[in-house]
Amino acid sequence: MVDSGGQYYEGTTDITRTVALGELTEEERKYFTLVVICMLRLAGAKFPYGCRGTTLDYAAREPLWSRGLNYDHGTGHGVGFLLNVHEGPNGIRYRFSGDQIEDPVLEEGMICSDEPGLYLEGQYGMRTENMIVCRKGEKTPFGQFMEFEPLTMAPIDLDVLDISLMEQRDIDSLNAYHQLVYNKIAPHLTEEEAIWLKEATKPIEK
């Protein structure tokens, strides 16, 4: 598991990827897949304007909570532009510690991390983290709806997935994300690198 990032003139980055470096147990594959599903579910959320981070946290945690699993940290934190990588006031969590007292309405342009994980003490841990930006979606008779756009462009390790655990909407979300990654990144790569990225972002199906 690598949690990385940096600060650039174009903005601040924060990313976590878990990759396989050896043989895996079925349990490890299961938990890795559930964490990826959690990340995709939050990234794909559509919600009416006025929602807060506490409203949306369940979208990420439900695949774990429904199986009696959890992670003991927030799902997402605000990210500053040339400021702090943990930048308030926005965030996505279901509970607050003493220094986290704000829970603002999610506004267009707010950047959050989307980083569910799962950690078994003394054994192993995993996390998948993207940065997402809040955007206006469709406006209906029920009001203005909001959605997220991914900012992080990096593939997720397909070799670790247990696709049998994924619903079709999860498969569609991952395929759409990987297609976006390839379209954005491939033009900046060498031919050899682009071939690797094409394989790393290939569509999956049941």
N, C-alpha and C. Protein backbone atom coordinates (compact mmCIF):
# COMPACT_ATOMS: atom_id res chain seq x y z
N MET A 1 0.84 -1.18 0.00
CA MET A 1 0.00 0.00 0.00
C MET A 1 0.88 1.23 0.00
N VAL A 2 0.66 2.13 -0.97
CA VAL A 2 1.44 3.35 -1.08
C VAL A 2 0.49 4.54 -1.01
N ASP A 3 0.68 5.39 0.00
CA ASP A 3 -0.06 6.64 0.14
C ASP A 3 0.89 7.75 -0.26
N SER A 4 0.61 8.40 -1.37
CA SER A 4 1.56 9.36 -1.92
C SER A 4 0.85 10.64 -2.31
N GLY A 5 1.61 11.57 -2.84
CA GLY A 5 1.04 12.84 -3.28
C GLY A 5 2.10 13.92 -3.29
N GLY A 6 1.72 15.10 -3.66
CA GLY A 6 2.66 16.21 -3.71
C GLY A 6 1.93 17.51 -3.94
N GLN A 7 2.67 18.59 -3.86
CA GLN A 7 2.12 19.91 -4.09
C GLN A 7 2.81 20.54 -5.30
N TYR A 8 2.00 21.02 -6.23
CA TYR A 8 2.48 21.56 -7.49
C TYR A 8 1.81 22.91 -7.74
N TYR A 9 2.29 23.65 -8.70
CA TYR A 9 1.65 24.91 -9.05
C TYR A 9 0.22 24.68 -9.54
N GLU A 10 -0.02 23.49 -10.09
CA GLU A 10 -1.37 23.18 -10.59
C GLU A 10 -2.30 22.71 -9.48
N GLY A 11 -1.79 22.42 -8.30
CA GLY A 11 -2.63 21.96 -7.21
C GLY A 11 -1.96 20.90 -6.36
N THR A 12 -2.70 20.39 -5.40
CA THR A 12 -2.20 19.41 -4.44
C THR A 12 -2.80 18.05 -4.76
N THR A 13 -1.99 17.01 -4.65
CA THR A 13 -2.45 15.66 -4.95
C THR A 13 -2.35 14.76 -3.72
N ASP A 14 -3.20 13.74 -3.67
CA ASP A 14 -3.21 12.76 -2.59
C ASP A 14 -3.80 11.49 -3.16
N ILE A 15 -3.06 10.40 -3.10
CA ILE A 15 -3.49 9.16 -3.75
C ILE A 15 -2.97 7.97 -2.96
N THR A 16 -3.78 6.94 -2.87
CA THR A 16 -3.34 5.67 -2.30
C THR A 16 -3.72 4.54 -3.25
N ARG A 17 -2.77 3.67 -3.49
CA ARG A 17 -3.03 2.45 -4.26
C ARG A 17 -2.44 1.26 -3.51
N THR A 18 -3.18 0.16 -3.54
CA THR A 18 -2.72 -1.12 -3.01
C THR A 18 -2.51 -2.05 -4.20
N VAL A 19 -1.33 -2.64 -4.31
CA VAL A 19 -1.03 -3.54 -5.42
C VAL A 19 -0.50 -4.85 -4.87
N ALA A 20 -0.68 -5.90 -5.64
CA ALA A 20 -0.24 -7.23 -5.23
C ALA A 20 1.21 -7.45 -5.63
N LEU A 21 2.01 -7.95 -4.71
CA LEU A 21 3.42 -8.26 -4.97
C LEU A 21 3.72 -9.74 -4.75
N GLY A 22 2.69 -10.53 -4.60
CA GLY A 22 2.90 -11.96 -4.39
C GLY A 22 1.57 -12.70 -4.41
N GLU A 23 1.57 -13.92 -3.90
CA GLU A 23 0.35 -14.73 -3.85
C GLU A 23 -0.64 -14.11 -2.87
N LEU A 24 -1.91 -14.24 -3.20
CA LEU A 24 -2.97 -13.66 -2.38
C LEU A 24 -3.92 -14.73 -1.88
N THR A 25 -4.47 -14.50 -0.70
CA THR A 25 -5.52 -15.38 -0.19
C THR A 25 -6.87 -14.90 -0.75
N GLU A 26 -7.86 -15.76 -0.70
CA GLU A 26 -9.19 -15.37 -1.13
C GLU A 26 -9.74 -14.24 -0.26
N GLU A 27 -9.39 -14.27 1.02
CA GLU A 27 -9.82 -13.20 1.92
C GLU A 27 -9.23 -11.86 1.51
N GLU A 28 -7.95 -11.85 1.16
CA GLU A 28 -7.32 -10.60 0.72
C GLU A 28 -7.97 -10.07 -0.55
N ARG A 29 -8.26 -10.95 -1.47
CA ARG A 29 -8.95 -10.53 -2.70
C ARG A 29 -10.34 -9.96 -2.38
N LYS A 30 -11.04 -10.63 -1.49
CA LYS A 30 -12.38 -10.18 -1.11
C LYS A 30 -12.33 -8.79 -0.52
N TYR A 31 -11.44 -8.57 0.43
CA TYR A 31 -11.38 -7.28 1.10
C TYR A 31 -10.89 -6.18 0.16
N PHE A 32 -9.92 -6.50 -0.68
CA PHE A 32 -9.46 -5.52 -1.67
C PHE A 32 -10.62 -5.09 -2.56
N THR A 33 -11.39 -6.04 -3.03
CA THR A 33 -12.51 -5.75 -3.93
C THR A 33 -13.57 -4.92 -3.23
N LEU A 34 -13.88 -5.25 -1.99
CA LEU A 34 -14.88 -4.48 -1.25
C LEU A 34 -14.44 -3.03 -1.07
N VAL A 35 -13.16 -2.80 -0.81
CA VAL A 35 -12.65 -1.44 -0.65
C VAL A 35 -12.77 -0.67 -1.97
N VAL A 36 -12.45 -1.32 -3.07
CA VAL A 36 -12.61 -0.68 -4.38
C VAL A 36 -14.08 -0.33 -4.63
N ILE A 37 -14.97 -1.26 -4.31
CA ILE A 37 -16.41 -1.00 -4.47
C ILE A 37 -16.81 0.22 -3.64
N CYS A 38 -16.34 0.30 -2.41
CA CYS A 38 -16.65 1.44 -1.55
C CYS A 38 -16.23 2.75 -2.20
N MET A 39 -15.01 2.78 -2.73
CA MET A 39 -14.51 3.99 -3.39
C MET A 39 -15.37 4.37 -4.58
N LEU A 40 -15.75 3.38 -5.38
CA LEU A 40 -16.56 3.63 -6.57
C LEU A 40 -17.96 4.11 -6.22
N ARG A 41 -18.53 3.57 -5.15
CA ARG A 41 -19.89 3.95 -4.76
C ARG A 41 -19.96 5.42 -4.36
N LEU A 42 -18.97 5.89 -3.59
CA LEU A 42 -18.96 7.30 -3.22
C LEU A 42 -18.70 8.17 -4.45
N ALA A 43 -17.74 7.78 -5.26
CA ALA A 43 -17.39 8.57 -6.45
C ALA A 43 -18.58 8.70 -7.40
N GLY A 44 -19.47 7.72 -7.41
CA GLY A 44 -20.61 7.74 -8.31
C GLY A 44 -21.88 8.30 -7.70
N ALA A 45 -21.79 8.81 -6.48
CA ALA A 45 -22.98 9.31 -5.79
C ALA A 45 -23.55 10.54 -6.49
N LYS A 46 -24.87 10.61 -6.58
CA LYS A 46 -25.59 11.79 -7.05
C LYS A 46 -26.53 12.20 -5.93
N PHE A 47 -26.57 13.48 -5.61
CA PHE A 47 -27.27 13.90 -4.40
C PHE A 47 -27.79 15.33 -4.57
N PRO A 48 -28.91 15.66 -3.90
CA PRO A 48 -29.44 17.01 -4.03
C PRO A 48 -28.56 18.02 -3.31
N TYR A 49 -28.50 19.21 -3.87
CA TYR A 49 -27.73 20.27 -3.22
C TYR A 49 -28.25 20.49 -1.81
N GLY A 50 -27.33 20.66 -0.88
CA GLY A 50 -27.68 20.79 0.53
C GLY A 50 -27.15 19.64 1.36
N CYS A 51 -26.72 18.57 0.69
CA CYS A 51 -26.14 17.43 1.41
C CYS A 51 -24.77 17.80 1.97
N ARG A 52 -24.41 17.10 3.03
CA ARG A 52 -23.13 17.31 3.70
C ARG A 52 -22.34 16.01 3.68
N GLY A 53 -21.09 16.07 4.11
CA GLY A 53 -20.25 14.89 4.12
C GLY A 53 -20.80 13.76 4.97
N THR A 54 -21.45 14.13 6.08
CA THR A 54 -22.05 13.10 6.93
C THR A 54 -23.20 12.40 6.21
N THR A 55 -23.85 13.10 5.27
CA THR A 55 -24.94 12.49 4.51
C THR A 55 -24.42 11.39 3.60
N LEU A 56 -23.22 11.62 3.02
CA LEU A 56 -22.72 10.75 1.96
C LEU A 56 -21.82 9.63 2.44
N ASP A 57 -21.38 9.69 3.69
CA ASP A 57 -20.43 8.69 4.18
C ASP A 57 -20.95 7.26 4.02
N TYR A 58 -22.26 7.09 4.21
CA TYR A 58 -22.84 5.75 4.13
C TYR A 58 -22.70 5.14 2.74
N ALA A 59 -22.67 5.99 1.70
CA ALA A 59 -22.53 5.47 0.34
C ALA A 59 -21.24 4.67 0.21
N ALA A 60 -20.19 5.12 0.90
CA ALA A 60 -18.91 4.41 0.85
C ALA A 60 -18.87 3.21 1.79
N ARG A 61 -19.45 3.33 2.95
CA ARG A 61 -19.27 2.29 3.98
C ARG A 61 -20.24 1.11 3.86
N GLU A 62 -21.36 1.30 3.18
CA GLU A 62 -22.39 0.25 3.17
C GLU A 62 -21.87 -1.12 2.74
N PRO A 63 -21.01 -1.23 1.68
CA PRO A 63 -20.53 -2.57 1.32
C PRO A 63 -19.74 -3.24 2.44
N LEU A 64 -19.13 -2.48 3.33
CA LEU A 64 -18.42 -3.05 4.48
C LEU A 64 -19.37 -3.25 5.65
N TRP A 65 -20.14 -2.22 5.98
CA TRP A 65 -21.05 -2.33 7.13
C TRP A 65 -22.02 -3.49 6.97
N SER A 66 -22.48 -3.74 5.77
CA SER A 66 -23.43 -4.84 5.56
C SER A 66 -22.81 -6.20 5.82
N ARG A 67 -21.48 -6.23 5.90
CA ARG A 67 -20.76 -7.48 6.18
C ARG A 67 -20.09 -7.46 7.56
N GLY A 68 -20.47 -6.47 8.38
CA GLY A 68 -19.90 -6.38 9.72
C GLY A 68 -18.48 -5.88 9.74
N LEU A 69 -18.06 -5.12 8.72
CA LEU A 69 -16.71 -4.60 8.61
C LEU A 69 -16.73 -3.07 8.66
N ASN A 70 -15.58 -2.46 8.96
CA ASN A 70 -15.52 -1.00 9.05
C ASN A 70 -14.07 -0.55 8.97
N TYR A 71 -13.86 0.73 8.83
CA TYR A 71 -12.52 1.33 8.95
C TYR A 71 -12.63 2.52 9.89
N ASP A 72 -11.59 2.71 10.70
CA ASP A 72 -11.66 3.66 11.81
C ASP A 72 -11.03 5.00 11.43
N HIS A 73 -11.44 5.54 10.29
CA HIS A 73 -11.00 6.89 9.91
C HIS A 73 -12.06 7.47 8.98
N GLY A 74 -11.97 8.75 8.72
CA GLY A 74 -12.91 9.37 7.81
C GLY A 74 -12.77 8.83 6.41
N THR A 75 -13.86 8.90 5.66
CA THR A 75 -13.82 8.46 4.26
C THR A 75 -13.13 9.49 3.38
N GLY A 76 -13.24 10.76 3.73
CA GLY A 76 -12.64 11.78 2.89
C GLY A 76 -12.38 13.06 3.65
N HIS A 77 -11.36 13.79 3.22
CA HIS A 77 -11.02 15.09 3.80
C HIS A 77 -10.91 16.11 2.68
N GLY A 78 -11.11 17.35 3.01
CA GLY A 78 -10.91 18.41 2.04
C GLY A 78 -9.45 18.52 1.65
N VAL A 79 -9.20 18.94 0.42
CA VAL A 79 -7.83 19.11 -0.09
C VAL A 79 -7.68 20.55 -0.59
N GLY A 80 -6.67 21.24 -0.10
CA GLY A 80 -6.45 22.63 -0.49
C GLY A 80 -5.73 22.76 -1.82
N PHE A 81 -5.84 23.92 -2.41
CA PHE A 81 -5.11 24.23 -3.64
C PHE A 81 -3.88 25.04 -3.25
N LEU A 82 -2.69 24.40 -3.31
CA LEU A 82 -1.45 25.01 -2.82
C LEU A 82 -1.59 25.38 -1.34
N LEU A 83 -2.38 24.61 -0.61
CA LEU A 83 -2.55 24.82 0.83
C LEU A 83 -2.24 23.50 1.52
N ASN A 84 -3.09 23.05 2.43
CA ASN A 84 -2.85 21.80 3.13
C ASN A 84 -3.48 20.63 2.38
N VAL A 85 -2.83 19.48 2.47
CA VAL A 85 -3.43 18.29 1.86
C VAL A 85 -4.66 17.86 2.65
N HIS A 86 -4.72 18.20 3.94
CA HIS A 86 -5.92 18.05 4.75
C HIS A 86 -6.43 19.45 5.02
N GLU A 87 -7.41 19.87 4.23
CA GLU A 87 -7.86 21.26 4.27
C GLU A 87 -9.36 21.31 4.52
N GLY A 88 -9.76 21.89 5.64
CA GLY A 88 -11.18 22.02 5.94
C GLY A 88 -11.82 23.14 5.13
N PRO A 89 -13.13 23.30 5.27
CA PRO A 89 -13.96 22.64 6.29
C PRO A 89 -14.63 21.36 5.82
N ASN A 90 -14.62 21.09 4.50
CA ASN A 90 -15.38 19.95 4.00
C ASN A 90 -14.68 18.64 4.32
N GLY A 91 -15.48 17.60 4.42
CA GLY A 91 -14.97 16.26 4.65
C GLY A 91 -16.11 15.27 4.54
N ILE A 92 -15.77 13.98 4.54
CA ILE A 92 -16.78 12.94 4.45
C ILE A 92 -16.50 11.94 5.56
N ARG A 93 -17.38 11.91 6.54
CA ARG A 93 -17.21 11.04 7.71
C ARG A 93 -18.56 10.90 8.41
N TYR A 94 -18.68 9.89 9.24
CA TYR A 94 -19.95 9.71 9.94
C TYR A 94 -19.86 10.14 11.39
N ARG A 95 -18.66 10.43 11.86
CA ARG A 95 -18.50 10.89 13.24
C ARG A 95 -17.36 11.90 13.26
N PHE A 96 -17.31 12.68 14.31
CA PHE A 96 -16.34 13.76 14.41
C PHE A 96 -15.51 13.61 15.68
N SER A 97 -14.22 13.92 15.56
CA SER A 97 -13.37 14.02 16.74
C SER A 97 -13.44 15.45 17.25
N GLY A 98 -12.74 15.73 18.33
CA GLY A 98 -12.83 17.04 18.96
C GLY A 98 -12.40 18.19 18.08
N ASP A 99 -11.47 17.94 17.14
CA ASP A 99 -10.97 19.04 16.30
C ASP A 99 -11.69 19.08 14.95
N GLN A 100 -12.72 18.28 14.78
CA GLN A 100 -13.48 18.25 13.53
C GLN A 100 -14.94 18.60 13.86
N ILE A 101 -15.24 19.88 13.80
CA ILE A 101 -16.55 20.32 14.25
C ILE A 101 -17.40 20.88 13.12
N GLU A 102 -16.81 21.04 11.94
CA GLU A 102 -17.56 21.62 10.84
C GLU A 102 -18.07 20.52 9.90
N ASP A 103 -19.24 20.74 9.36
CA ASP A 103 -19.83 19.81 8.40
C ASP A 103 -20.63 20.62 7.39
N PRO A 104 -19.94 21.32 6.50
CA PRO A 104 -20.64 22.25 5.61
C PRO A 104 -21.36 21.54 4.47
N VAL A 105 -22.28 22.25 3.87
CA VAL A 105 -22.90 21.80 2.64
C VAL A 105 -21.81 21.65 1.58
N LEU A 106 -21.88 20.58 0.80
CA LEU A 106 -20.89 20.37 -0.25
C LEU A 106 -21.20 21.30 -1.43
N GLU A 107 -20.25 22.17 -1.74
CA GLU A 107 -20.42 23.17 -2.78
C GLU A 107 -19.65 22.77 -4.04
N GLU A 108 -20.10 23.28 -5.16
CA GLU A 108 -19.39 23.05 -6.41
C GLU A 108 -17.95 23.55 -6.28
N GLY A 109 -17.00 22.73 -6.72
CA GLY A 109 -15.59 23.10 -6.66
C GLY A 109 -14.85 22.58 -5.45
N MET A 110 -15.58 22.11 -4.44
CA MET A 110 -14.90 21.54 -3.26
C MET A 110 -14.23 20.23 -3.65
N ILE A 111 -12.99 20.06 -3.23
CA ILE A 111 -12.24 18.84 -3.50
C ILE A 111 -12.15 18.02 -2.22
N CYS A 112 -12.43 16.73 -2.34
CA CYS A 112 -12.33 15.79 -1.22
C CYS A 112 -11.52 14.57 -1.65
N SER A 113 -10.94 13.92 -0.68
CA SER A 113 -10.41 12.59 -0.94
C SER A 113 -11.55 11.58 -0.80
N ASP A 114 -11.39 10.44 -1.43
CA ASP A 114 -12.34 9.33 -1.39
C ASP A 114 -11.50 8.11 -1.07
N GLU A 115 -11.39 7.76 0.23
CA GLU A 115 -10.37 6.79 0.62
C GLU A 115 -10.83 5.77 1.66
N PRO A 116 -11.78 4.93 1.30
CA PRO A 116 -12.11 3.83 2.20
C PRO A 116 -10.96 2.84 2.29
N GLY A 117 -10.94 2.09 3.37
CA GLY A 117 -9.89 1.09 3.56
C GLY A 117 -10.38 -0.03 4.45
N LEU A 118 -9.51 -0.96 4.73
CA LEU A 118 -9.81 -2.04 5.66
C LEU A 118 -8.49 -2.52 6.24
N TYR A 119 -8.44 -2.64 7.57
CA TYR A 119 -7.17 -2.94 8.24
C TYR A 119 -7.41 -4.00 9.31
N LEU A 120 -6.66 -5.08 9.23
CA LEU A 120 -6.73 -6.15 10.21
C LEU A 120 -5.44 -6.12 11.02
N GLU A 121 -5.57 -5.73 12.28
CA GLU A 121 -4.40 -5.51 13.13
C GLU A 121 -3.52 -6.76 13.20
N GLY A 122 -2.24 -6.56 12.96
CA GLY A 122 -1.27 -7.65 13.01
C GLY A 122 -1.24 -8.51 11.76
N GLN A 123 -2.07 -8.19 10.76
CA GLN A 123 -2.11 -9.00 9.54
C GLN A 123 -1.79 -8.17 8.30
N TYR A 124 -2.71 -7.31 7.90
CA TYR A 124 -2.48 -6.50 6.71
C TYR A 124 -3.54 -5.40 6.65
N GLY A 125 -3.32 -4.46 5.74
CA GLY A 125 -4.29 -3.39 5.52
C GLY A 125 -4.28 -2.99 4.06
N MET A 126 -5.34 -2.32 3.65
CA MET A 126 -5.43 -1.88 2.25
C MET A 126 -6.32 -0.65 2.18
N ARG A 127 -6.06 0.17 1.18
CA ARG A 127 -6.85 1.37 0.96
C ARG A 127 -6.77 1.73 -0.52
N THR A 128 -7.83 2.29 -1.04
CA THR A 128 -7.84 2.84 -2.40
C THR A 128 -8.33 4.28 -2.29
N GLU A 129 -7.53 5.22 -2.77
CA GLU A 129 -7.86 6.65 -2.60
C GLU A 129 -7.74 7.41 -3.90
N ASN A 130 -8.81 8.10 -4.23
CA ASN A 130 -8.83 9.07 -5.32
C ASN A 130 -9.19 10.43 -4.76
N MET A 131 -8.87 11.46 -5.50
CA MET A 131 -9.39 12.79 -5.21
C MET A 131 -10.56 13.05 -6.15
N ILE A 132 -11.63 13.64 -5.60
CA ILE A 132 -12.83 13.92 -6.37
C ILE A 132 -13.23 15.38 -6.14
N VAL A 133 -13.83 15.99 -7.15
CA VAL A 133 -14.28 17.37 -7.04
C VAL A 133 -15.79 17.40 -7.22
N CYS A 134 -16.46 18.19 -6.40
CA CYS A 134 -17.90 18.30 -6.44
C CYS A 134 -18.32 19.19 -7.62
N ARG A 135 -19.27 18.73 -8.40
CA ARG A 135 -19.77 19.46 -9.57
C ARG A 135 -21.29 19.51 -9.55
N LYS A 136 -21.86 20.48 -10.25
CA LYS A 136 -23.30 20.50 -10.46
C LYS A 136 -23.68 19.44 -11.47
N GLY A 137 -24.71 18.68 -11.17
CA GLY A 137 -25.25 17.71 -12.10
C GLY A 137 -26.52 18.25 -12.73
N GLU A 138 -27.50 17.37 -12.91
CA GLU A 138 -28.74 17.81 -13.54
C GLU A 138 -29.61 18.58 -12.56
N LYS A 139 -30.45 19.43 -13.11
CA LYS A 139 -31.44 20.15 -12.32
C LYS A 139 -32.80 19.61 -12.70
N THR A 140 -33.55 19.18 -11.71
CA THR A 140 -34.85 18.55 -11.94
C THR A 140 -35.91 19.33 -11.16
N PRO A 141 -37.18 18.95 -11.29
CA PRO A 141 -38.21 19.60 -10.47
C PRO A 141 -37.97 19.46 -8.97
N PHE A 142 -37.08 18.55 -8.59
CA PHE A 142 -36.75 18.35 -7.18
C PHE A 142 -35.54 19.16 -6.75
N GLY A 143 -35.00 19.95 -7.67
CA GLY A 143 -33.89 20.82 -7.30
C GLY A 143 -32.60 20.51 -8.03
N GLN A 144 -31.54 21.21 -7.63
CA GLN A 144 -30.22 21.03 -8.21
C GLN A 144 -29.56 19.79 -7.62
N PHE A 145 -29.13 18.88 -8.48
CA PHE A 145 -28.41 17.70 -8.01
C PHE A 145 -26.91 17.91 -8.24
N MET A 146 -26.14 17.28 -7.38
CA MET A 146 -24.69 17.38 -7.42
C MET A 146 -24.09 16.00 -7.67
N GLU A 147 -22.84 15.98 -8.10
CA GLU A 147 -22.13 14.73 -8.36
C GLU A 147 -20.64 14.98 -8.21
N PHE A 148 -19.86 13.93 -8.34
CA PHE A 148 -18.41 14.04 -8.22
C PHE A 148 -17.73 13.72 -9.55
N GLU A 149 -16.63 14.38 -9.77
CA GLU A 149 -15.77 14.12 -10.93
C GLU A 149 -14.40 13.68 -10.42
N PRO A 150 -13.85 12.58 -10.93
CA PRO A 150 -12.54 12.14 -10.44
C PRO A 150 -11.41 13.05 -10.94
N LEU A 151 -10.48 13.33 -10.06
CA LEU A 151 -9.28 14.10 -10.42
C LEU A 151 -8.05 13.21 -10.53
N THR A 152 -8.06 12.10 -9.78
CA THR A 152 -6.93 11.18 -9.78
C THR A 152 -7.00 10.26 -10.99
N MET A 153 -5.89 10.17 -11.72
CA MET A 153 -5.85 9.35 -12.93
C MET A 153 -4.76 8.28 -12.76
N ALA A 154 -5.15 7.16 -12.16
CA ALA A 154 -4.21 6.05 -11.95
C ALA A 154 -5.00 4.75 -11.91
N PRO A 155 -4.52 3.71 -12.58
CA PRO A 155 -5.28 2.46 -12.62
C PRO A 155 -5.34 1.76 -11.27
N ILE A 156 -6.34 0.91 -11.13
CA ILE A 156 -6.52 0.06 -9.96
C ILE A 156 -6.12 -1.35 -10.36
N ASP A 157 -5.42 -2.05 -9.49
CA ASP A 157 -4.86 -3.36 -9.81
C ASP A 157 -5.96 -4.38 -10.10
N LEU A 158 -6.15 -4.69 -11.37
CA LEU A 158 -7.20 -5.61 -11.78
C LEU A 158 -6.91 -7.05 -11.35
N ASP A 159 -5.64 -7.38 -11.19
CA ASP A 159 -5.27 -8.76 -10.86
C ASP A 159 -5.74 -9.18 -9.47
N VAL A 160 -6.06 -8.20 -8.62
CA VAL A 160 -6.44 -8.51 -7.25
C VAL A 160 -7.95 -8.64 -7.09
N LEU A 161 -8.71 -8.15 -8.05
CA LEU A 161 -10.17 -8.11 -7.92
C LEU A 161 -10.81 -9.50 -7.93
N ASP A 162 -11.82 -9.66 -7.09
CA ASP A 162 -12.73 -10.80 -7.17
C ASP A 162 -14.01 -10.26 -7.80
N ILE A 163 -14.12 -10.38 -9.11
CA ILE A 163 -15.21 -9.75 -9.86
C ILE A 163 -16.57 -10.31 -9.45
N SER A 164 -16.59 -11.53 -8.92
CA SER A 164 -17.87 -12.12 -8.52
C SER A 164 -18.56 -11.33 -7.42
N LEU A 165 -17.80 -10.53 -6.67
CA LEU A 165 -18.38 -9.72 -5.60
C LEU A 165 -18.96 -8.41 -6.10
N MET A 166 -18.68 -8.05 -7.34
CA MET A 166 -19.06 -6.75 -7.86
C MET A 166 -20.42 -6.81 -8.55
N GLU A 167 -21.27 -5.82 -8.25
CA GLU A 167 -22.50 -5.68 -8.99
C GLU A 167 -22.19 -5.07 -10.35
N GLN A 168 -23.13 -5.16 -11.28
CA GLN A 168 -22.88 -4.63 -12.62
C GLN A 168 -22.57 -3.13 -12.58
N ARG A 169 -23.23 -2.40 -11.68
CA ARG A 169 -22.96 -0.95 -11.60
C ARG A 169 -21.53 -0.68 -11.16
N ASP A 170 -20.96 -1.56 -10.32
CA ASP A 170 -19.57 -1.39 -9.90
C ASP A 170 -18.63 -1.67 -11.07
N ILE A 171 -18.92 -2.71 -11.83
CA ILE A 171 -18.11 -3.03 -13.01
C ILE A 171 -18.18 -1.90 -14.01
N ASP A 172 -19.38 -1.38 -14.25
CA ASP A 172 -19.53 -0.28 -15.20
C ASP A 172 -18.77 0.96 -14.72
N SER A 173 -18.83 1.25 -13.43
CA SER A 173 -18.13 2.41 -12.88
C SER A 173 -16.63 2.27 -13.02
N LEU A 174 -16.10 1.07 -12.72
CA LEU A 174 -14.66 0.86 -12.83
C LEU A 174 -14.21 0.94 -14.28
N ASN A 175 -14.98 0.33 -15.19
CA ASN A 175 -14.62 0.39 -16.61
C ASN A 175 -14.63 1.83 -17.13
N ALA A 176 -15.63 2.60 -16.72
CA ALA A 176 -15.70 4.00 -17.16
C ALA A 176 -14.54 4.80 -16.61
N TYR A 177 -14.19 4.55 -15.34
CA TYR A 177 -13.05 5.25 -14.74
C TYR A 177 -11.75 4.90 -15.45
N HIS A 178 -11.54 3.62 -15.71
CA HIS A 178 -10.31 3.20 -16.38
C HIS A 178 -10.22 3.73 -17.81
N GLN A 179 -11.35 3.82 -18.49
CA GLN A 179 -11.34 4.39 -19.84
C GLN A 179 -10.94 5.86 -19.77
N LEU A 180 -11.43 6.57 -18.76
CA LEU A 180 -11.05 7.97 -18.57
C LEU A 180 -9.56 8.10 -18.28
N VAL A 181 -9.05 7.23 -17.42
CA VAL A 181 -7.61 7.24 -17.11
C VAL A 181 -6.79 7.06 -18.39
N TYR A 182 -7.17 6.08 -19.19
CA TYR A 182 -6.40 5.83 -20.41
C TYR A 182 -6.48 7.01 -21.36
N ASN A 183 -7.66 7.55 -21.56
CA ASN A 183 -7.82 8.67 -22.49
C ASN A 183 -7.04 9.90 -22.05
N LYS A 184 -6.97 10.13 -20.74
CA LYS A 184 -6.28 11.31 -20.22
C LYS A 184 -4.75 11.14 -20.24
N ILE A 185 -4.29 9.94 -19.90
CA ILE A 185 -2.86 9.74 -19.65
C ILE A 185 -2.10 9.23 -20.87
N ALA A 186 -2.71 8.37 -21.67
CA ALA A 186 -2.00 7.72 -22.78
C ALA A 186 -1.33 8.71 -23.74
N PRO A 187 -1.95 9.84 -24.08
CA PRO A 187 -1.29 10.76 -25.01
C PRO A 187 0.04 11.32 -24.51
N HIS A 188 0.29 11.20 -23.23
CA HIS A 188 1.52 11.75 -22.65
C HIS A 188 2.61 10.69 -22.45
N LEU A 189 2.33 9.45 -22.89
CA LEU A 189 3.24 8.33 -22.64
C LEU A 189 3.98 7.93 -23.91
N THR A 190 5.07 7.18 -23.69
CA THR A 190 5.74 6.55 -24.81
C THR A 190 4.86 5.41 -25.33
N GLU A 191 5.19 4.88 -26.47
CA GLU A 191 4.39 3.77 -27.02
C GLU A 191 4.39 2.57 -26.07
N GLU A 192 5.55 2.26 -25.52
CA GLU A 192 5.65 1.11 -24.61
C GLU A 192 4.82 1.35 -23.35
N GLU A 193 4.88 2.56 -22.81
CA GLU A 193 4.11 2.88 -21.61
C GLU A 193 2.60 2.85 -21.90
N ALA A 194 2.21 3.32 -23.07
CA ALA A 194 0.80 3.33 -23.43
C ALA A 194 0.25 1.91 -23.57
N ILE A 195 1.07 1.00 -24.08
CA ILE A 195 0.66 -0.41 -24.19
C ILE A 195 0.43 -0.99 -22.80
N TRP A 196 1.33 -0.66 -21.87
CA TRP A 196 1.15 -1.13 -20.48
C TRP A 196 -0.14 -0.57 -19.89
N LEU A 197 -0.38 0.73 -20.08
CA LEU A 197 -1.57 1.35 -19.51
C LEU A 197 -2.84 0.77 -20.12
N LYS A 198 -2.81 0.45 -21.41
CA LYS A 198 -3.97 -0.15 -22.07
C LYS A 198 -4.34 -1.47 -21.39
N GLU A 199 -3.36 -2.27 -21.06
CA GLU A 199 -3.60 -3.54 -20.38
C GLU A 199 -4.08 -3.31 -18.96
N ALA A 200 -3.50 -2.32 -18.29
CA ALA A 200 -3.84 -2.05 -16.89
C ALA A 200 -5.24 -1.48 -16.74
N THR A 201 -5.79 -0.91 -17.82
CA THR A 201 -7.11 -0.29 -17.75
C THR A 201 -8.13 -1.02 -18.63
N LYS A 202 -7.86 -2.24 -19.01
CA LYS A 202 -8.76 -2.98 -19.89
C LYS A 202 -10.10 -3.23 -19.20
N PRO A 203 -11.18 -3.29 -19.96
CA PRO A 203 -12.50 -3.53 -19.36
C PRO A 203 -12.58 -4.90 -18.71
N ILE A 204 -13.35 -4.99 -17.65
CA ILE A 204 -13.61 -6.27 -17.00
C ILE A 204 -15.08 -6.61 -17.17
N GLU A 205 -15.40 -7.87 -17.05
CA GLU A 205 -16.80 -8.32 -17.12
C GLU A 205 -16.94 -9.60 -16.34
N LYS A 206 -18.17 -9.88 -15.94
CA LYS A 206 -18.44 -11.15 -15.21
C LYS A 206 -18.52 -12.30 -16.21
